[in-house]
């Protein structure tokens, strides 16, 4: 019996996590065990939003007096805060909308919504609030949550918080494709020449390819999602994995550069390509920071199973990740500030200042956008964070590419060889004035 309840709860969670077309079973025991656990969560908008339910056993549904109760998020939170003041039956009686499940297929129209708002859907039957319970047959169902499209027809599977993301990822993939067509060949030739910035360009290009792969996987997921409300869960997971690896690579690159310059200036010695100085302390710092961010990124995905790479800051993992990014930005800014203040060359200062701007933009865009999004309505926050972070980090990558591919600026900055720029391949490149 316990395993059956666990399976039922997992089935409900699976439907909520992977899309807005839910398939599973209405289980009286599960509803009685956790009556306040929502079956679905959706942000309706417009005047013709629809909740469609199909069941396979009408007789059992009628016998159990099966119903679906819909609560607006704000009203539900009020009831949650006053849970001791209302009995189970009284609480469900305050639902804004109720549907009695007694037909093979039923539609419930959610209309007159002044602005997009989150709604919670609960399954309730005559056993939910009763102490006595007799085991009965489950009701297999399929639930489809739809918003009106541009013509007002209820055909849009995207909730208000997801609308527009499909088009955004299409434009993003198109931008990556056009950029690759224009610049890929010349960049590849530069990398093949194995110039002094060879290692940096390889790591930066790998991170960019991972970002492009994440965007493409997200586009495929949302393309499928727009047709069936389920999408391609594997592509959604792949997009998140690509983004996590890209974030880790960029963290390692930026920290290695900054630490390499700092150590190089202190020891007046040559640094090896893309490595920390070979002291246990510096190596330990690198490992701790990278592993910490990796664990927080993975924890964040498990904490919020919706498929998007940049989550709101409500969860503990998201809050810790934002705090880590702020600390990293401040630490790198402090280290680069010390270098800039003692640097006499104007071109070198400009190099370090531009690099510092790229670092700060990369690390602080997510915390800043998550903070700014608080002033917007709930359905707007995820889109603001997702679109904003992707655009800001893309700009940061462009700044770094321009910086490292600049011939005259690079050679002015690297005039002191790898003491100033640690990520060089060998001293044999010092006399080469081309990549």
Protein backbone atom coordinates (compact mmCIF):
# COMPACT_ATOMS: atom_id res chain seq x y z
CA UNK A 1 0.00 0.00 0.00
CA UNK A 2 2.80 2.43 0.85
CA UNK A 3 4.58 1.72 -2.42
CA UNK A 4 1.33 2.32 -4.29
CA UNK A 5 0.90 5.71 -2.61
CA UNK A 6 4.51 6.61 -3.36
CA UNK A 7 4.04 5.71 -7.03
CA UNK A 8 0.89 7.80 -7.19
CA UNK A 9 2.60 10.84 -5.68
CA UNK A 10 5.56 10.44 -8.05
CA UNK A 11 3.17 10.23 -11.00
CA UNK A 12 1.57 13.50 -9.95
CA UNK A 13 5.00 15.13 -9.54
CA UNK A 14 6.09 13.83 -12.95
CA UNK A 15 3.13 15.46 -14.63
CA UNK A 16 3.72 18.78 -12.89
CA UNK A 17 7.42 18.76 -13.64
CA UNK A 18 7.51 17.82 -17.29
CA UNK A 19 4.59 19.66 -18.82
CA UNK A 20 1.04 20.90 -18.80
CA UNK A 21 -0.41 17.67 -20.18
CA UNK A 22 -0.69 15.37 -17.17
CA UNK A 23 -1.41 11.64 -17.29
CA UNK A 24 -1.84 9.40 -14.28
CA UNK A 25 -4.42 8.25 -11.79
CA UNK A 26 -6.72 9.97 -9.30
CA UNK A 27 -5.88 7.99 -6.16
CA UNK A 28 -8.14 8.52 -3.14
CA UNK A 29 -5.50 7.27 -0.70
CA UNK A 30 -2.90 9.73 -2.00
CA UNK A 31 -5.38 12.62 -1.89
CA UNK A 32 -6.31 11.69 1.67
CA UNK A 33 -2.68 11.34 2.75
CA UNK A 34 -1.67 14.75 1.34
CA UNK A 35 -4.87 16.71 0.66
CA UNK A 36 -3.01 20.04 0.33
CA UNK A 37 -0.60 18.82 -2.34
CA UNK A 38 -1.61 20.38 -5.69
CA UNK A 39 -2.10 18.09 -8.66
CA UNK A 40 -1.09 20.83 -11.10
CA UNK A 41 0.08 24.43 -11.16
CA UNK A 42 -0.60 26.71 -14.12
CA UNK A 43 -0.58 30.41 -14.94
CA UNK A 44 -3.78 31.12 -16.84
CA UNK A 45 -4.33 34.33 -18.80
CA UNK A 46 -7.04 35.81 -21.01
CA UNK A 47 -10.78 35.14 -21.07
CA UNK A 48 -10.88 31.70 -22.64
CA UNK A 49 -8.35 29.56 -20.79
CA UNK A 50 -9.43 25.93 -20.50
CA UNK A 51 -8.80 22.95 -18.22
CA UNK A 52 -9.69 19.73 -20.08
CA UNK A 53 -10.01 16.39 -18.24
CA UNK A 54 -10.51 12.94 -19.75
CA UNK A 55 -11.16 9.86 -17.58
CA UNK A 56 -11.61 6.18 -18.36
CA UNK A 57 -14.04 5.11 -15.62
CA UNK A 58 -17.03 7.40 -15.16
CA UNK A 59 -18.87 4.99 -12.84
CA UNK A 60 -16.05 4.97 -10.28
CA UNK A 61 -15.73 8.76 -10.49
CA UNK A 62 -19.45 9.21 -9.80
CA UNK A 63 -19.35 6.73 -6.89
CA UNK A 64 -16.38 8.52 -5.31
CA UNK A 65 -17.87 11.98 -5.98
CA UNK A 66 -14.64 13.00 -7.69
CA UNK A 67 -14.03 16.74 -8.08
CA UNK A 68 -11.33 19.16 -9.11
CA UNK A 69 -10.91 22.35 -7.06
CA UNK A 70 -9.07 25.38 -8.47
CA UNK A 71 -7.57 28.04 -6.20
CA UNK A 72 -5.90 31.30 -7.11
CA UNK A 73 -2.40 31.42 -5.63
CA UNK A 74 -3.05 34.39 -3.35
CA UNK A 75 -6.26 32.91 -1.95
CA UNK A 76 -4.58 29.57 -1.42
CA UNK A 77 -1.74 31.16 0.51
CA UNK A 78 -4.23 32.93 2.75
CA UNK A 79 -5.90 29.61 3.52
CA UNK A 80 -2.53 27.97 4.16
CA UNK A 81 -1.68 30.64 6.72
CA UNK A 82 -4.96 30.05 8.51
CA UNK A 83 -4.94 26.26 8.26
CA UNK A 84 -5.95 25.84 11.91
CA UNK A 85 -9.03 28.02 11.46
CA UNK A 86 -10.69 25.86 8.81
CA UNK A 87 -11.51 22.21 8.57
CA UNK A 88 -10.56 20.18 5.50
CA UNK A 89 -14.06 20.42 4.02
CA UNK A 90 -14.37 24.17 4.71
CA UNK A 91 -11.03 24.81 3.13
CA UNK A 92 -11.87 23.11 -0.16
CA UNK A 93 -15.30 24.74 -0.21
CA UNK A 94 -13.59 28.11 -0.63
CA UNK A 95 -12.19 27.15 -4.06
CA UNK A 96 -12.75 29.78 -6.76
CA UNK A 97 -13.73 27.10 -9.30
CA UNK A 98 -14.96 23.53 -8.91
CA UNK A 99 -15.48 20.82 -11.52
CA UNK A 100 -17.42 17.65 -10.78
CA UNK A 101 -15.73 14.81 -12.66
CA UNK A 102 -18.65 12.76 -13.99
CA UNK A 103 -18.13 12.55 -17.76
CA UNK A 104 -15.59 10.90 -20.03
CA UNK A 105 -14.38 14.32 -21.19
CA UNK A 106 -15.04 17.68 -19.57
CA UNK A 107 -13.87 21.25 -20.06
CA UNK A 108 -13.73 24.00 -17.47
CA UNK A 109 -13.32 27.56 -18.77
CA UNK A 110 -11.27 29.94 -16.65
CA UNK A 111 -12.35 33.43 -17.68
CA UNK A 112 -12.33 37.08 -16.63
CA UNK A 113 -8.69 37.02 -15.50
CA UNK A 114 -7.54 40.67 -15.16
CA UNK A 115 -3.85 39.66 -15.36
CA UNK A 116 -2.00 36.32 -15.53
CA UNK A 117 -2.03 34.55 -12.20
CA UNK A 118 -1.01 31.18 -10.85
CA UNK A 119 -3.78 28.65 -10.19
CA UNK A 120 -3.51 25.42 -8.21
CA UNK A 121 -5.55 22.33 -9.13
CA UNK A 122 -6.48 19.80 -6.42
CA UNK A 123 -8.17 16.42 -6.68
CA UNK A 124 -10.84 15.81 -4.01
CA UNK A 125 -13.38 13.04 -3.47
CA UNK A 126 -15.66 11.94 -0.64
CA UNK A 127 -12.79 10.11 1.10
CA UNK A 128 -10.32 13.04 1.11
CA UNK A 129 -11.55 14.67 4.31
CA UNK A 130 -13.03 11.56 5.96
CA UNK A 131 -11.35 9.50 8.68
CA UNK A 132 -12.85 6.25 7.45
CA UNK A 133 -11.52 5.04 4.11
CA UNK A 134 -12.18 1.94 2.06
CA UNK A 135 -9.81 1.15 -0.81
CA UNK A 136 -11.37 1.75 -4.24
CA UNK A 137 -10.35 1.63 -7.86
CA UNK A 138 -8.19 4.45 -9.21
CA UNK A 139 -9.41 6.76 -11.95
CA UNK A 140 -7.01 7.02 -14.88
CA UNK A 141 -6.99 10.52 -16.33
CA UNK A 142 -5.43 12.91 -18.80
CA UNK A 143 -5.48 16.61 -17.95
CA UNK A 144 -4.64 19.35 -20.45
CA UNK A 145 -4.17 22.99 -19.37
CA UNK A 146 -4.53 25.52 -22.18
CA UNK A 147 -4.31 29.27 -22.61
CA UNK A 148 -5.84 31.24 -25.50
CA UNK A 149 -3.58 31.80 -28.49
CA UNK A 150 -3.25 35.04 -30.46
CA UNK A 151 -6.68 34.44 -32.06
CA UNK A 152 -8.35 33.73 -28.73
CA UNK A 153 -8.66 29.96 -29.21
CA UNK A 154 -7.62 27.76 -26.24
CA UNK A 155 -4.75 25.98 -28.00
CA UNK A 156 -1.64 27.33 -26.27
CA UNK A 157 0.11 24.86 -23.94
CA UNK A 158 2.43 27.52 -22.50
CA UNK A 159 1.57 29.14 -19.20
CA UNK A 160 1.84 32.92 -18.94
CA UNK A 161 5.31 32.61 -17.39
CA UNK A 162 6.57 30.52 -20.33
CA UNK A 163 5.01 32.40 -23.23
CA UNK A 164 7.60 33.92 -25.51
CA UNK A 165 10.46 31.61 -24.49
CA UNK A 166 9.95 29.39 -27.56
CA UNK A 167 10.34 32.38 -29.87
CA UNK A 168 13.30 33.69 -27.87
CA UNK A 169 15.24 30.43 -28.16
CA UNK A 170 14.48 30.28 -31.89
CA UNK A 171 15.98 33.75 -32.36
CA UNK A 172 18.92 32.83 -30.13
CA UNK A 173 19.68 29.67 -32.14
CA UNK A 174 19.38 31.68 -35.35
CA UNK A 175 21.82 34.28 -33.98
CA UNK A 176 24.30 31.53 -33.02
CA UNK A 177 23.99 29.99 -36.50
CA UNK A 178 24.56 33.27 -38.34
CA UNK A 179 27.49 34.14 -36.06
CA UNK A 180 29.06 30.74 -36.69
CA UNK A 181 28.68 31.18 -40.46
CA UNK A 182 30.47 34.54 -40.29
CA UNK A 183 33.20 34.00 -37.69
CA UNK A 184 33.74 30.23 -37.22
CA UNK A 185 36.31 29.80 -39.99
CA UNK A 186 38.53 32.72 -38.97
CA UNK A 187 38.32 31.73 -35.29
CA UNK A 188 39.28 28.15 -36.13
CA UNK A 189 42.27 29.36 -38.13
CA UNK A 190 43.37 31.52 -35.20
CA UNK A 191 43.15 28.56 -32.81
CA UNK A 192 45.01 26.28 -35.25
CA UNK A 193 47.97 28.70 -35.32
CA UNK A 194 48.44 28.02 -31.60
CA UNK A 195 49.18 31.61 -30.67
CA UNK A 196 49.83 32.84 -27.13
CA UNK A 197 46.10 32.94 -26.33
CA UNK A 198 45.49 29.47 -27.77
CA UNK A 199 44.37 27.87 -24.49
CA UNK A 200 42.12 30.77 -23.53
CA UNK A 201 40.38 30.77 -26.91
CA UNK A 202 39.87 26.99 -26.78
CA UNK A 203 38.23 27.10 -23.34
CA UNK A 204 36.14 30.16 -24.24
CA UNK A 205 35.02 28.57 -27.53
CA UNK A 206 34.10 25.33 -25.76
CA UNK A 207 31.96 27.26 -23.26
CA UNK A 208 30.30 29.11 -26.14
CA UNK A 209 29.55 25.85 -27.96
CA UNK A 210 27.97 24.48 -24.79
CA UNK A 211 25.83 27.62 -24.49
CA UNK A 212 24.74 27.21 -28.12
CA UNK A 213 23.98 23.53 -27.50
CA UNK A 214 21.89 24.46 -24.48
CA UNK A 215 19.92 27.00 -26.53
CA UNK A 216 19.32 24.48 -29.33
CA UNK A 217 18.18 21.76 -26.89
CA UNK A 218 15.83 24.25 -25.21
CA UNK A 219 14.42 25.20 -28.60
CA UNK A 220 13.72 21.54 -29.45
CA UNK A 221 12.11 21.01 -26.04
CA UNK A 222 9.83 24.04 -26.38
CA UNK A 223 8.98 23.14 -29.99
CA UNK A 224 7.72 19.76 -28.85
CA UNK A 225 6.09 21.32 -25.77
CA UNK A 226 4.06 23.70 -27.95
CA UNK A 227 2.40 20.71 -29.65
CA UNK A 228 1.57 18.36 -26.79
CA UNK A 229 2.22 20.20 -23.51
CA UNK A 230 4.81 17.58 -22.51
CA UNK A 231 7.82 18.48 -24.60
CA UNK A 232 11.05 16.48 -24.82
CA UNK A 233 12.22 15.88 -21.22
CA UNK A 234 15.55 14.50 -22.39
CA UNK A 235 16.28 17.65 -24.41
CA UNK A 236 15.32 19.81 -21.44
CA UNK A 237 17.71 17.88 -19.21
CA UNK A 238 20.44 18.06 -21.87
CA UNK A 239 20.01 21.85 -22.08
CA UNK A 240 20.48 22.17 -18.32
CA UNK A 241 23.52 19.87 -18.38
CA UNK A 242 25.18 21.88 -21.17
CA UNK A 243 24.54 25.10 -19.27
CA UNK A 244 25.99 23.69 -16.03
CA UNK A 245 29.20 22.54 -17.77
CA UNK A 246 29.48 25.90 -19.55
CA UNK A 247 29.12 27.78 -16.26
CA UNK A 248 31.84 25.62 -14.69
CA UNK A 249 34.22 26.17 -17.62
CA UNK A 250 33.73 29.93 -17.55
CA UNK A 251 34.26 30.01 -13.79
CA UNK A 252 37.52 28.09 -14.16
CA UNK A 253 38.69 30.31 -17.02
CA UNK A 254 37.98 33.62 -15.30
CA UNK A 255 39.42 32.52 -11.96
CA UNK A 256 42.52 31.05 -13.60
CA UNK A 257 43.21 34.24 -15.53
CA UNK A 258 42.75 36.53 -12.53
CA UNK A 259 44.70 34.30 -10.15
CA UNK A 260 47.44 33.78 -12.73
CA UNK A 261 47.97 37.51 -13.10
CA UNK A 262 47.98 38.01 -9.34
CA UNK A 263 50.44 35.19 -8.64
CA UNK A 264 52.59 36.19 -11.59
CA UNK A 265 52.94 39.71 -10.26
CA UNK A 266 53.72 38.54 -6.73
CA UNK A 267 56.31 35.93 -7.70
CA UNK A 268 57.60 37.57 -10.90
CA UNK A 269 57.65 34.16 -12.48
CA UNK A 270 56.16 32.41 -15.51
CA UNK A 271 52.80 30.73 -15.07
CA UNK A 272 51.81 27.59 -16.90
CA UNK A 273 48.90 27.52 -19.40
CA UNK A 274 45.50 27.57 -17.74
CA UNK A 275 46.74 26.43 -14.35
CA UNK A 276 46.87 27.82 -10.89
CA UNK A 277 50.20 28.29 -9.27
CA UNK A 278 51.36 24.92 -8.00
CA UNK A 279 50.83 25.62 -4.31
CA UNK A 280 48.40 23.49 -2.29
CA UNK A 281 46.51 26.60 -1.14
CA UNK A 282 45.75 27.98 -4.61
CA UNK A 283 44.88 24.54 -5.99
CA UNK A 284 42.56 23.94 -3.04
CA UNK A 285 40.78 27.25 -3.62
CA UNK A 286 40.22 26.41 -7.28
CA UNK A 287 38.83 22.96 -6.51
CA UNK A 288 36.58 24.19 -3.68
CA UNK A 289 35.04 27.03 -5.71
CA UNK A 290 34.41 24.92 -8.84
CA UNK A 291 33.02 21.95 -6.88
CA UNK A 292 30.83 24.22 -4.74
CA UNK A 293 29.25 25.88 -7.76
CA UNK A 294 28.79 22.49 -9.46
CA UNK A 295 26.98 21.06 -6.43
CA UNK A 296 24.78 24.14 -6.08
CA UNK A 297 23.85 24.06 -9.78
CA UNK A 298 22.90 20.38 -9.57
CA UNK A 299 21.01 20.93 -6.30
CA UNK A 300 19.08 23.79 -7.91
CA UNK A 301 17.93 21.49 -10.73
CA UNK A 302 16.58 18.93 -8.27
CA UNK A 303 14.97 21.64 -6.14
CA UNK A 304 13.03 23.10 -9.09
CA UNK A 305 12.33 20.50 -11.78
CA UNK A 306 10.91 22.86 -14.40
CA UNK A 307 13.15 23.00 -17.46
CA UNK A 308 14.92 26.33 -17.37
CA UNK A 309 18.50 27.09 -16.58
CA UNK A 310 18.01 30.21 -14.48
CA UNK A 311 15.62 29.72 -11.60
CA UNK A 312 13.98 32.27 -9.37
CA UNK A 313 15.65 32.84 -5.99
CA UNK A 314 12.95 31.28 -3.80
CA UNK A 315 14.81 28.02 -3.12
CA UNK A 316 17.74 27.60 -0.77
CA UNK A 317 20.05 26.32 -3.53
CA UNK A 318 19.23 29.28 -5.77
CA UNK A 319 19.88 31.71 -2.91
CA UNK A 320 23.25 30.11 -2.09
CA UNK A 321 24.21 30.13 -5.77
CA UNK A 322 23.39 33.81 -6.08
CA UNK A 323 25.42 34.52 -2.93
CA UNK A 324 28.39 32.58 -4.35
CA UNK A 325 28.26 34.56 -7.59
CA UNK A 326 28.20 37.84 -5.70
CA UNK A 327 31.23 36.76 -3.62
CA UNK A 328 33.10 35.67 -6.74
CA UNK A 329 32.39 38.97 -8.48
CA UNK A 330 33.58 40.96 -5.46
CA UNK A 331 36.70 38.81 -5.05
CA UNK A 332 37.70 39.08 -8.70
CA UNK A 333 36.95 42.80 -8.73
CA UNK A 334 39.16 43.30 -5.66
CA UNK A 335 42.02 41.31 -7.19
CA UNK A 336 41.82 43.13 -10.51
CA UNK A 337 41.55 46.49 -8.75
CA UNK A 338 44.87 45.85 -7.02
CA UNK A 339 46.47 45.07 -10.37
CA UNK A 340 44.94 48.13 -12.07
CA UNK A 341 46.00 50.57 -9.36
CA UNK A 342 49.69 49.67 -9.67
CA UNK A 343 49.73 49.34 -13.47
CA UNK A 344 51.43 52.25 -15.20
CA UNK A 345 50.71 51.41 -18.81
CA UNK A 346 47.44 52.93 -20.07
CA UNK A 347 46.78 50.10 -22.53
CA UNK A 348 47.39 47.48 -19.86
CA UNK A 349 44.97 49.23 -17.51
CA UNK A 350 42.36 49.31 -20.26
CA UNK A 351 42.92 45.60 -20.82
CA UNK A 352 42.39 44.75 -17.16
CA UNK A 353 39.43 47.14 -16.83
CA UNK A 354 37.68 45.57 -19.82
CA UNK A 355 38.37 42.09 -18.45
CA UNK A 356 36.99 43.14 -15.06
CA UNK A 357 33.80 44.42 -16.73
CA UNK A 358 33.31 41.10 -18.50
CA UNK A 359 33.83 39.19 -15.21
CA UNK A 360 31.43 41.38 -13.26
CA UNK A 361 28.79 41.16 -16.01
CA UNK A 362 29.10 37.37 -16.12
CA UNK A 363 28.80 36.81 -12.36
CA UNK A 364 26.43 39.62 -11.30
CA UNK A 365 23.83 39.50 -14.08
CA UNK A 366 21.90 36.66 -12.43
CA UNK A 367 21.87 38.14 -8.89
CA UNK A 368 20.94 41.60 -10.20
CA UNK A 369 18.16 40.34 -12.48
CA UNK A 370 16.79 38.07 -9.73
CA UNK A 371 16.65 41.11 -7.42
CA UNK A 372 15.08 43.40 -10.01
CA UNK A 373 12.49 40.75 -10.97
CA UNK A 374 10.94 41.02 -7.48
CA UNK A 375 9.18 44.26 -8.49
CA UNK A 376 7.44 42.47 -11.39
CA UNK A 377 4.52 40.08 -11.26
CA UNK A 378 5.23 36.40 -10.74
CA UNK A 379 4.53 35.36 -14.34
CA UNK A 380 7.11 37.86 -15.64
CA UNK A 381 10.00 36.91 -13.34
CA UNK A 382 11.22 33.71 -14.96
CA UNK A 383 11.25 35.26 -18.43
CA UNK A 384 13.13 38.33 -17.21
CA UNK A 385 15.77 36.21 -15.46
CA UNK A 386 16.17 33.65 -18.25
CA UNK A 387 16.31 36.06 -21.18
CA UNK A 388 18.31 38.67 -19.29
CA UNK A 389 21.01 36.28 -18.03
CA UNK A 390 21.50 34.63 -21.42
CA UNK A 391 21.86 37.99 -23.17
CA UNK A 392 24.19 39.42 -20.50
CA UNK A 393 26.46 36.38 -20.52
CA UNK A 394 26.52 36.39 -24.32
CA UNK A 395 27.65 40.03 -24.21
CA UNK A 396 30.31 39.08 -21.65
CA UNK A 397 31.64 36.40 -24.03
CA UNK A 398 31.73 38.87 -26.92
CA UNK A 399 33.75 41.29 -24.76
CA UNK A 400 36.24 38.54 -23.89
CA UNK A 401 36.58 37.44 -27.52
CA UNK A 402 37.25 41.00 -28.66
CA UNK A 403 39.75 41.43 -25.85
CA UNK A 404 41.76 38.27 -26.52
CA UNK A 405 41.68 38.58 -30.31
CA UNK A 406 42.89 42.15 -30.32
CA UNK A 407 46.42 42.10 -31.79
CA UNK A 408 47.78 45.43 -30.73
CA UNK A 409 46.17 45.42 -27.29
CA UNK A 410 47.29 41.89 -26.52
CA UNK A 411 50.91 42.46 -27.49
CA UNK A 412 51.01 45.69 -25.49
CA UNK A 413 49.70 43.88 -22.43
CA UNK A 414 51.94 40.81 -22.94
CA UNK A 415 55.11 42.84 -23.37
CA UNK A 416 56.30 41.42 -20.05
CA UNK A 417 55.67 37.91 -21.37
CA UNK A 418 53.70 35.43 -19.23
CA UNK A 419 54.37 37.34 -16.00
CA UNK A 420 51.56 39.69 -17.01
CA UNK A 421 49.45 37.24 -19.01
CA UNK A 422 49.91 33.72 -17.62
CA UNK A 423 47.90 31.89 -20.27
CA UNK A 424 50.61 31.69 -22.91
CA UNK A 425 51.77 28.58 -24.66
CA UNK A 426 55.52 29.21 -24.74
CA UNK A 427 58.02 32.01 -24.83
CA UNK A 428 58.68 31.20 -28.47
CA UNK A 429 55.63 33.23 -29.41
CA UNK A 430 56.97 36.46 -27.95
CA UNK A 431 58.33 37.64 -31.27
CA UNK A 432 55.27 36.71 -33.30
CA UNK A 433 53.00 39.63 -34.08
CA UNK A 434 50.14 37.57 -35.53
CA UNK A 435 48.00 34.66 -34.37
